[in-house]
Structure formats: C-alpha cells, structure tokens
Amino acid sequence: MSTEAELKAELERLKAENEQLKSRGSRGVSLKVSEKGAVSVYGMGRFPVTLYQEQWLKLLDMADEIRTFIKDNEGKLKKKE
C-alpha cells in the first residue's frame, strides 16, 4: 500500500506528464506523406488535412486570393481559439 507522500509524488509526476503531453500537441504543424502518397498536414485540427501534390500546388497558387477573401469576409468568418 502506498503512503500519502508516495501518492502525492505520483500525482505531481502525472500532472507534469500531462502538461508535457498537452504542450506537445500544440507544438505546431507537421507534414507527412500519407499511405496513398498524398501530403497530410497535422496540427490544424482534430484530423489531418490531406491533399495530393497537384491539389496543394493549386491551393498554394491561390494564396493571395484566399488571403483577400478572408480579409473581405472577416466579419462573417469565425475564429477558432
């Protein structure tokens, strides 16, 4: 049976581990090649955003248009905090 001090130490260890895992999840965006050979972007939401390379290139070519659209519609768009 564990002593109170051992239980407190274990609780603190678990809290620290939990914080480390939380910070690891918000560390940023990462890229991977999917099983089907597409580009997957992780860290944007619950699921990865996966497109084939020609789709990504088409989307990237539209970057200025997307930025302008977002700026023009800022009042209608929601932000995920």
PDB file of N, CA and C in Angstrom:
ATOM      1  N   MET A   1       0.838  -1.190   0.000  1.00  0.00           N
ATOM      2  CA  MET A   1       0.000   0.000   0.000  1.00  0.00           C
ATOM      3  C   MET A   1       0.883   1.253   0.000  1.00  0.00           C
ATOM      4  N   SER A   2       0.518   2.250  -0.804  1.00  0.00           N
ATOM      5  CA  SER A   2       1.312   3.464  -0.945  1.00  0.00           C
ATOM      6  C   SER A   2       1.063   4.421   0.207  1.00  0.00           C
ATOM      7  N   THR A   3       2.108   5.132   0.551  1.00  0.00           N
ATOM      8  CA  THR A   3       1.962   6.150   1.588  1.00  0.00           C
ATOM      9  C   THR A   3       1.388   7.419   0.953  1.00  0.00           C
ATOM     10  N   GLU A   4       0.956   8.310   1.804  1.00  0.00           N
ATOM     11  CA  GLU A   4       0.395   9.575   1.314  1.00  0.00           C
ATOM     12  C   GLU A   4       1.446  10.361   0.532  1.00  0.00           C
ATOM     13  N   ALA A   5       2.674  10.346   0.998  1.00  0.00           N
ATOM     14  CA  ALA A   5       3.754  11.062   0.311  1.00  0.00           C
ATOM     15  C   ALA A   5       3.999  10.459  -1.068  1.00  0.00           C
ATOM     16  N   GLU A   6       3.956   9.133  -1.180  1.00  0.00           N
ATOM     17  CA  GLU A   6       4.154   8.474  -2.475  1.00  0.00           C
ATOM     18  C   GLU A   6       3.016   8.816  -3.438  1.00  0.00           C
ATOM     19  N   LEU A   7       1.790   8.856  -2.912  1.00  0.00           N
ATOM     20  CA  LEU A   7       0.648   9.208  -3.747  1.00  0.00           C
ATOM     21  C   LEU A   7       0.742  10.653  -4.237  1.00  0.00           C
ATOM     22  N   LYS A   8       1.172  11.563  -3.370  1.00  0.00           N
ATOM     23  CA  LYS A   8       1.334  12.960  -3.767  1.00  0.00           C
ATOM     24  C   LYS A   8       2.427  13.097  -4.824  1.00  0.00           C
ATOM     25  N   ALA A   9       3.514  12.374  -4.640  1.00  0.00           N
ATOM     26  CA  ALA A   9       4.616  12.415  -5.608  1.00  0.00           C
ATOM     27  C   ALA A   9       4.152  11.878  -6.964  1.00  0.00           C
ATOM     28  N   GLU A  10       3.390  10.799  -6.939  1.00  0.00           N
ATOM     29  CA  GLU A  10       2.871  10.223  -8.181  1.00  0.00           C
ATOM     30  C   GLU A  10       1.895  11.188  -8.863  1.00  0.00           C
ATOM     31  N   LEU A  11       1.057  11.843  -8.080  1.00  0.00           N
ATOM     32  CA  LEU A  11       0.123  12.829  -8.620  1.00  0.00           C
ATOM     33  C   LEU A  11       0.875  13.974  -9.297  1.00  0.00           C
ATOM     34  N   GLU A  12       1.911  14.469  -8.668  1.00  0.00           N
ATOM     35  CA  GLU A  12       2.715  15.549  -9.249  1.00  0.00           C
ATOM     36  C   GLU A  12       3.407  15.082 -10.525  1.00  0.00           C
ATOM     37  N   ARG A  13       3.901  13.854 -10.540  1.00  0.00           N
ATOM     38  CA  ARG A  13       4.549  13.305 -11.731  1.00  0.00           C
ATOM     39  C   ARG A  13       3.552  13.221 -12.876  1.00  0.00           C
ATOM     40  N   LEU A  14       2.330  12.758 -12.581  1.00  0.00           N
ATOM     41  CA  LEU A  14       1.299  12.642 -13.609  1.00  0.00           C
ATOM     42  C   LEU A  14       0.851  14.013 -14.118  1.00  0.00           C
ATOM     43  N   LYS A  15       0.767  14.989 -13.220  1.00  0.00           N
ATOM     44  CA  LYS A  15       0.412  16.347 -13.648  1.00  0.00           C
ATOM     45  C   LYS A  15       1.470  16.899 -14.594  1.00  0.00           C
ATOM     46  N   ALA A  16       2.734  16.700 -14.260  1.00  0.00           N
ATOM     47  CA  ALA A  16       3.826  17.178 -15.110  1.00  0.00           C
ATOM     48  C   ALA A  16       3.800  16.474 -16.466  1.00  0.00           C
ATOM     49  N   GLU A  17       3.557  15.177 -16.458  1.00  0.00           N
ATOM     50  CA  GLU A  17       3.480  14.414 -17.704  1.00  0.00           C
ATOM     51  C   GLU A  17       2.306  14.899 -18.560  1.00  0.00           C
ATOM     52  N   ASN A  18       1.177  15.177 -17.916  1.00  0.00           N
ATOM     53  CA  ASN A  18       0.003  15.671 -18.622  1.00  0.00           C
ATOM     54  C   ASN A  18       0.287  17.017 -19.290  1.00  0.00           C
ATOM     55  N   GLU A  19       0.940  17.912 -18.568  1.00  0.00           N
ATOM     56  CA  GLU A  19       1.290  19.219 -19.137  1.00  0.00           C
ATOM     57  C   GLU A  19       2.246  19.070 -20.314  1.00  0.00           C
ATOM     58  N   GLN A  20       3.192  18.146 -20.189  1.00  0.00           N
ATOM     59  CA  GLN A  20       4.143  17.908 -21.274  1.00  0.00           C
ATOM     60  C   GLN A  20       3.417  17.399 -22.519  1.00  0.00           C
ATOM     61  N   LEU A  21       2.473  16.492 -22.329  1.00  0.00           N
ATOM     62  CA  LEU A  21       1.708  15.967 -23.454  1.00  0.00           C
ATOM     63  C   LEU A  21       0.835  17.046 -24.088  1.00  0.00           C
ATOM     64  N   LYS A  22       0.245  17.905 -23.272  1.00  0.00           N
ATOM     65  CA  LYS A  22      -0.571  18.998 -23.799  1.00  0.00           C
ATOM     66  C   LYS A  22       0.271  19.942 -24.643  1.00  0.00           C
ATOM     67  N   SER A  23       1.451  20.292 -24.149  1.00  0.00           N
ATOM     68  CA  SER A  23       2.300  21.229 -24.890  1.00  0.00           C
ATOM     69  C   SER A  23       2.829  20.587 -26.166  1.00  0.00           C
ATOM     70  N   ARG A  24       3.035  19.308 -26.165  1.00  0.00           N
ATOM     71  CA  ARG A  24       3.496  18.597 -27.362  1.00  0.00           C
ATOM     72  C   ARG A  24       2.431  18.666 -28.449  1.00  0.00           C
ATOM     73  N   GLY A  25       1.157  18.589 -28.070  1.00  0.00           N
ATOM     74  CA  GLY A  25       0.065  18.636 -29.029  1.00  0.00           C
ATOM     75  C   GLY A  25      -0.083  19.995 -29.681  1.00  0.00           C
ATOM     76  N   SER A  26       0.297  21.054 -28.989  1.00  0.00           N
ATOM     77  CA  SER A  26       0.157  22.391 -29.545  1.00  0.00           C
ATOM     78  C   SER A  26       1.479  22.906 -30.092  1.00  0.00           C
ATOM     79  N   ARG A  27       2.400  22.012 -30.333  1.00  0.00           N
ATOM     80  CA  ARG A  27       3.726  22.456 -30.742  1.00  0.00           C
ATOM     81  C   ARG A  27       3.748  22.967 -32.163  1.00  0.00           C
ATOM     82  N   GLY A  28       2.748  22.681 -32.950  1.00  0.00           N
ATOM     83  CA  GLY A  28       2.728  23.253 -34.283  1.00  0.00           C
ATOM     84  C   GLY A  28       2.202  22.300 -35.321  1.00  0.00           C
ATOM     85  N   VAL A  29       2.526  22.642 -36.538  1.00  0.00           N
ATOM     86  CA  VAL A  29       2.028  21.916 -37.683  1.00  0.00           C
ATOM     87  C   VAL A  29       3.150  21.040 -38.239  1.00  0.00           C
ATOM     88  N   SER A  30       2.776  19.832 -38.669  1.00  0.00           N
ATOM     89  CA  SER A  30       3.780  18.947 -39.263  1.00  0.00           C
ATOM     90  C   SER A  30       3.233  18.330 -40.541  1.00  0.00           C
ATOM     91  N   LEU A  31       4.135  17.883 -41.383  1.00  0.00           N
ATOM     92  CA  LEU A  31       3.791  17.293 -42.672  1.00  0.00           C
ATOM     93  C   LEU A  31       4.223  15.838 -42.719  1.00  0.00           C
ATOM     94  N   LYS A  32       3.410  15.024 -43.391  1.00  0.00           N
ATOM     95  CA  LYS A  32       3.749  13.618 -43.599  1.00  0.00           C
ATOM     96  C   LYS A  32       3.231  13.189 -44.961  1.00  0.00           C
ATOM     97  N   VAL A  33       3.839  12.166 -45.509  1.00  0.00           N
ATOM     98  CA  VAL A  33       3.326  11.557 -46.730  1.00  0.00           C
ATOM     99  C   VAL A  33       2.355  10.469 -46.303  1.00  0.00           C
ATOM    100  N   SER A  34       1.131  10.524 -46.844  1.00  0.00           N
ATOM    101  CA  SER A  34       0.115   9.546 -46.468  1.00  0.00           C
ATOM    102  C   SER A  34       0.398   8.204 -47.124  1.00  0.00           C
ATOM    103  N   GLU A  35      -0.350   7.185 -46.710  1.00  0.00           N
ATOM    104  CA  GLU A  35      -0.195   5.845 -47.270  1.00  0.00           C
ATOM    105  C   GLU A  35      -0.441   5.837 -48.774  1.00  0.00           C
ATOM    106  N   LYS A  36      -1.306   6.738 -49.237  1.00  0.00           N
ATOM    107  CA  LYS A  36      -1.644   6.791 -50.666  1.00  0.00           C
ATOM    108  C   LYS A  36      -0.773   7.774 -51.436  1.00  0.00           C
ATOM    109  N   GLY A  37       0.245   8.327 -50.783  1.00  0.00           N
ATOM    110  CA  GLY A  37       1.174   9.219 -51.468  1.00  0.00           C
ATOM    111  C   GLY A  37       0.736  10.664 -51.538  1.00  0.00           C
ATOM    112  N   ALA A  38      -0.155  11.064 -50.681  1.00  0.00           N
ATOM    113  CA  ALA A  38      -0.599  12.459 -50.629  1.00  0.00           C
ATOM    114  C   ALA A  38       0.140  13.177 -49.501  1.00  0.00           C
ATOM    115  N   VAL A  39      -0.017  14.487 -49.440  1.00  0.00           N
ATOM    116  CA  VAL A  39       0.601  15.291 -48.380  1.00  0.00           C
ATOM    117  C   VAL A  39      -0.447  15.528 -47.296  1.00  0.00           C
ATOM    118  N   SER A  40      -0.119  15.131 -46.070  1.00  0.00           N
ATOM    119  CA  SER A  40      -1.012  15.336 -44.930  1.00  0.00           C
ATOM    120  C   SER A  40      -0.422  16.381 -43.998  1.00  0.00           C
ATOM    121  N   VAL A  41      -1.241  17.347 -43.622  1.00  0.00           N
ATOM    122  CA  VAL A  41      -0.832  18.389 -42.687  1.00  0.00           C
ATOM    123  C   VAL A  41      -1.510  18.087 -41.357  1.00  0.00           C
ATOM    124  N   TYR A  42      -0.700  17.872 -40.331  1.00  0.00           N
ATOM    125  CA  TYR A  42      -1.191  17.579 -38.989  1.00  0.00           C
ATOM    126  C   TYR A  42      -1.055  18.818 -38.113  1.00  0.00           C
ATOM    127  N   GLY A  43      -1.970  18.955 -37.170  1.00  0.00           N
ATOM    128  CA  GLY A  43      -1.890  20.040 -36.197  1.00  0.00           C
ATOM    129  C   GLY A  43      -2.825  21.200 -36.485  1.00  0.00           C
ATOM    130  N   MET A  44      -3.645  21.088 -37.523  1.00  0.00           N
ATOM    131  CA  MET A  44      -4.589  22.159 -37.848  1.00  0.00           C
ATOM    132  C   MET A  44      -5.920  21.958 -37.114  1.00  0.00           C
ATOM    133  N   GLY A  45      -6.224  20.740 -36.795  1.00  0.00           N
ATOM    134  CA  GLY A  45      -7.473  20.409 -36.127  1.00  0.00           C
ATOM    135  C   GLY A  45      -7.421  18.971 -35.667  1.00  0.00           C
ATOM    136  N   ARG A  46      -8.583  18.420 -35.461  1.00  0.00           N
ATOM    137  CA  ARG A  46      -8.664  17.048 -34.945  1.00  0.00           C
ATOM    138  C   ARG A  46      -8.131  16.029 -35.949  1.00  0.00           C
ATOM    139  N   PHE A  47      -8.374  16.276 -37.229  1.00  0.00           N
ATOM    140  CA  PHE A  47      -7.940  15.361 -38.273  1.00  0.00           C
ATOM    141  C   PHE A  47      -6.943  16.055 -39.189  1.00  0.00           C
ATOM    142  N   PRO A  48      -6.091  15.298 -39.846  1.00  0.00           N
ATOM    143  CA  PRO A  48      -5.146  15.925 -40.778  1.00  0.00           C
ATOM    144  C   PRO A  48      -5.866  16.427 -42.033  1.00  0.00           C
ATOM    145  N   VAL A  49      -5.267  17.413 -42.677  1.00  0.00           N
ATOM    146  CA  VAL A  49      -5.749  17.904 -43.964  1.00  0.00           C
ATOM    147  C   VAL A  49      -4.874  17.227 -45.005  1.00  0.00           C
ATOM    148  N   THR A  50      -5.482  16.411 -45.877  1.00  0.00           N
ATOM    149  CA  THR A  50      -4.721  15.613 -46.829  1.00  0.00           C
ATOM    150  C   THR A  50      -5.170  15.908 -48.253  1.00  0.00           C
ATOM    151  N   LEU A  51      -4.209  16.304 -49.084  1.00  0.00           N
ATOM    152  CA  LEU A  51      -4.449  16.555 -50.498  1.00  0.00           C
ATOM    153  C   LEU A  51      -3.273  15.996 -51.294  1.00  0.00           C
ATOM    154  N   TYR A  52      -3.512  15.685 -52.553  1.00  0.00           N
ATOM    155  CA  TYR A  52      -2.421  15.262 -53.429  1.00  0.00           C
ATOM    156  C   TYR A  52      -1.614  16.485 -53.840  1.00  0.00           C
ATOM    157  N   GLN A  53      -0.372  16.241 -54.281  1.00  0.00           N
ATOM    158  CA  GLN A  53       0.541  17.357 -54.531  1.00  0.00           C
ATOM    159  C   GLN A  53      -0.022  18.386 -55.512  1.00  0.00           C
ATOM    160  N   GLU A  54      -0.696  17.945 -56.576  1.00  0.00           N
ATOM    161  CA  GLU A  54      -1.234  18.914 -57.536  1.00  0.00           C
ATOM    162  C   GLU A  54      -2.343  19.755 -56.910  1.00  0.00           C
ATOM    163  N   GLN A  55      -3.071  19.182 -55.937  1.00  0.00           N
ATOM    164  CA  GLN A  55      -4.098  19.942 -55.234  1.00  0.00           C
ATOM    165  C   GLN A  55      -3.467  20.993 -54.330  1.00  0.00           C
ATOM    166  N   TRP A  56      -2.400  20.606 -53.615  1.00  0.00           N
ATOM    167  CA  TRP A  56      -1.692  21.562 -52.765  1.00  0.00           C
ATOM    168  C   TRP A  56      -1.118  22.691 -53.602  1.00  0.00           C
ATOM    169  N   LEU A  57      -0.516  22.353 -54.746  1.00  0.00           N
ATOM    170  CA  LEU A  57       0.084  23.387 -55.590  1.00  0.00           C
ATOM    171  C   LEU A  57      -0.969  24.351 -56.117  1.00  0.00           C
ATOM    172  N   LYS A  58      -2.122  23.835 -56.502  1.00  0.00           N
ATOM    173  CA  LYS A  58      -3.226  24.681 -56.962  1.00  0.00           C
ATOM    174  C   LYS A  58      -3.690  25.602 -55.825  1.00  0.00           C
ATOM    175  N   LEU A  59      -3.793  25.041 -54.625  1.00  0.00           N
ATOM    176  CA  LEU A  59      -4.208  25.821 -53.462  1.00  0.00           C
ATOM    177  C   LEU A  59      -3.164  26.889 -53.119  1.00  0.00           C
ATOM    178  N   LEU A  60      -1.893  26.515 -53.151  1.00  0.00           N
ATOM    179  CA  LEU A  60      -0.827  27.474 -52.854  1.00  0.00           C
ATOM    180  C   LEU A  60      -0.782  28.597 -53.884  1.00  0.00           C
ATOM    181  N   ASP A  61      -1.088  28.279 -55.139  1.00  0.00           N
ATOM    182  CA  ASP A  61      -1.147  29.315 -56.174  1.00  0.00           C
ATOM    183  C   ASP A  61      -2.248  30.327 -55.891  1.00  0.00           C
ATOM    184  N   MET A  62      -3.240  29.926 -55.129  1.00  0.00           N
ATOM    185  CA  MET A  62      -4.370  30.795 -54.787  1.00  0.00           C
ATOM    186  C   MET A  62      -4.157  31.537 -53.458  1.00  0.00           C
ATOM    187  N   ALA A  63      -2.972  31.482 -52.878  1.00  0.00           N
ATOM    188  CA  ALA A  63      -2.731  32.033 -51.538  1.00  0.00           C
ATOM    189  C   ALA A  63      -3.160  33.488 -51.419  1.00  0.00           C
ATOM    190  N   ASP A  64      -2.791  34.322 -52.397  1.00  0.00           N
ATOM    191  CA  ASP A  64      -3.166  35.744 -52.329  1.00  0.00           C
ATOM    192  C   ASP A  64      -4.680  35.917 -52.405  1.00  0.00           C
ATOM    193  N   GLU A  65      -5.325  35.135 -53.271  1.00  0.00           N
ATOM    194  CA  GLU A  65      -6.778  35.194 -53.419  1.00  0.00           C
ATOM    195  C   GLU A  65      -7.475  34.763 -52.121  1.00  0.00           C
ATOM    196  N   ILE A  66      -6.943  33.742 -51.475  1.00  0.00           N
ATOM    197  CA  ILE A  66      -7.518  33.254 -50.209  1.00  0.00           C
ATOM    198  C   ILE A  66      -7.364  34.310 -49.128  1.00  0.00           C
ATOM    199  N   ARG A  67      -6.179  34.927 -49.046  1.00  0.00           N
ATOM    200  CA  ARG A  67      -5.953  35.980 -48.050  1.00  0.00           C
ATOM    201  C   ARG A  67      -6.918  37.153 -48.258  1.00  0.00           C
ATOM    202  N   THR A  68      -7.099  37.544 -49.517  1.00  0.00           N
ATOM    203  CA  THR A  68      -8.016  38.641 -49.831  1.00  0.00           C
ATOM    204  C   THR A  68      -9.441  38.274 -49.465  1.00  0.00           C
ATOM    205  N   PHE A  69      -9.856  37.061 -49.787  1.00  0.00           N
ATOM    206  CA  PHE A  69     -11.200  36.587 -49.455  1.00  0.00           C
ATOM    207  C   PHE A  69     -11.425  36.630 -47.949  1.00  0.00           C
ATOM    208  N   ILE A  70     -10.445  36.147 -47.181  1.00  0.00           N
ATOM    209  CA  ILE A  70     -10.569  36.143 -45.719  1.00  0.00           C
ATOM    210  C   ILE A  70     -10.674  37.575 -45.197  1.00  0.00           C
ATOM    211  N   LYS A  71      -9.845  38.457 -45.728  1.00  0.00           N
ATOM    212  CA  LYS A  71      -9.881  39.863 -45.300  1.00  0.00           C
ATOM    213  C   LYS A  71     -11.235  40.495 -45.629  1.00  0.00           C
ATOM    214  N   ASP A  72     -11.730  40.236 -46.840  1.00  0.00           N
ATOM    215  CA  ASP A  72     -13.001  40.821 -47.273  1.00  0.00           C
ATOM    216  C   ASP A  72     -14.201  40.272 -46.499  1.00  0.00           C
ATOM    217  N   ASN A  73     -14.089  39.068 -45.968  1.00  0.00           N
ATOM    218  CA  ASN A  73     -15.205  38.416 -45.277  1.00  0.00           C
ATOM    219  C   ASN A  73     -14.943  38.221 -43.787  1.00  0.00           C
ATOM    220  N   GLU A  74     -14.011  38.967 -43.253  1.00  0.00           N
ATOM    221  CA  GLU A  74     -13.601  38.804 -41.853  1.00  0.00           C
ATOM    222  C   GLU A  74     -14.775  38.898 -40.881  1.00  0.00           C
ATOM    223  N   GLY A  75     -15.725  39.771 -41.155  1.00  0.00           N
ATOM    224  CA  GLY A  75     -16.874  39.934 -40.267  1.00  0.00           C
ATOM    225  C   GLY A  75     -17.802  38.725 -40.238  1.00  0.00           C
ATOM    226  N   LYS A  76     -17.823  37.945 -41.289  1.00  0.00           N
ATOM    227  CA  LYS A  76     -18.690  36.774 -41.377  1.00  0.00           C
ATOM    228  C   LYS A  76     -18.005  35.496 -40.896  1.00  0.00           C
ATOM    229  N   LEU A  77     -16.687  35.528 -40.860  1.00  0.00           N
ATOM    230  CA  LEU A  77     -15.922  34.323 -40.540  1.00  0.00           C
ATOM    231  C   LEU A  77     -15.665  34.214 -39.044  1.00  0.00           C
ATOM    232  N   LYS A  78     -15.672  32.992 -38.560  1.00  0.00           N
ATOM    233  CA  LYS A  78     -15.381  32.728 -37.155  1.00  0.00           C
ATOM    234  C   LYS A  78     -13.921  32.356 -36.998  1.00  0.00           C
ATOM    235  N   LYS A  79     -13.386  32.615 -35.806  1.00  0.00           N
ATOM    236  CA  LYS A  79     -12.011  32.237 -35.491  1.00  0.00           C
ATOM    237  C   LYS A  79     -12.029  31.133 -34.456  1.00  0.00           C
ATOM    238  N   LYS A  80     -11.221  30.135 -34.689  1.00  0.00           N
ATOM    239  CA  LYS A  80     -11.098  29.060 -33.710  1.00  0.00           C
ATOM    240  C   LYS A  80      -9.975  29.437 -32.753  1.00  0.00           C
ATOM    241  N   GLU A  81     -10.314  29.567 -31.511  1.00  0.00           N
ATOM    242  CA  GLU A  81      -9.326  29.956 -30.489  1.00  0.00           C
ATOM    243  C   GLU A  81      -8.578  28.758 -29.976  1.00  0.00           C
TER     244      GLU A  81
END
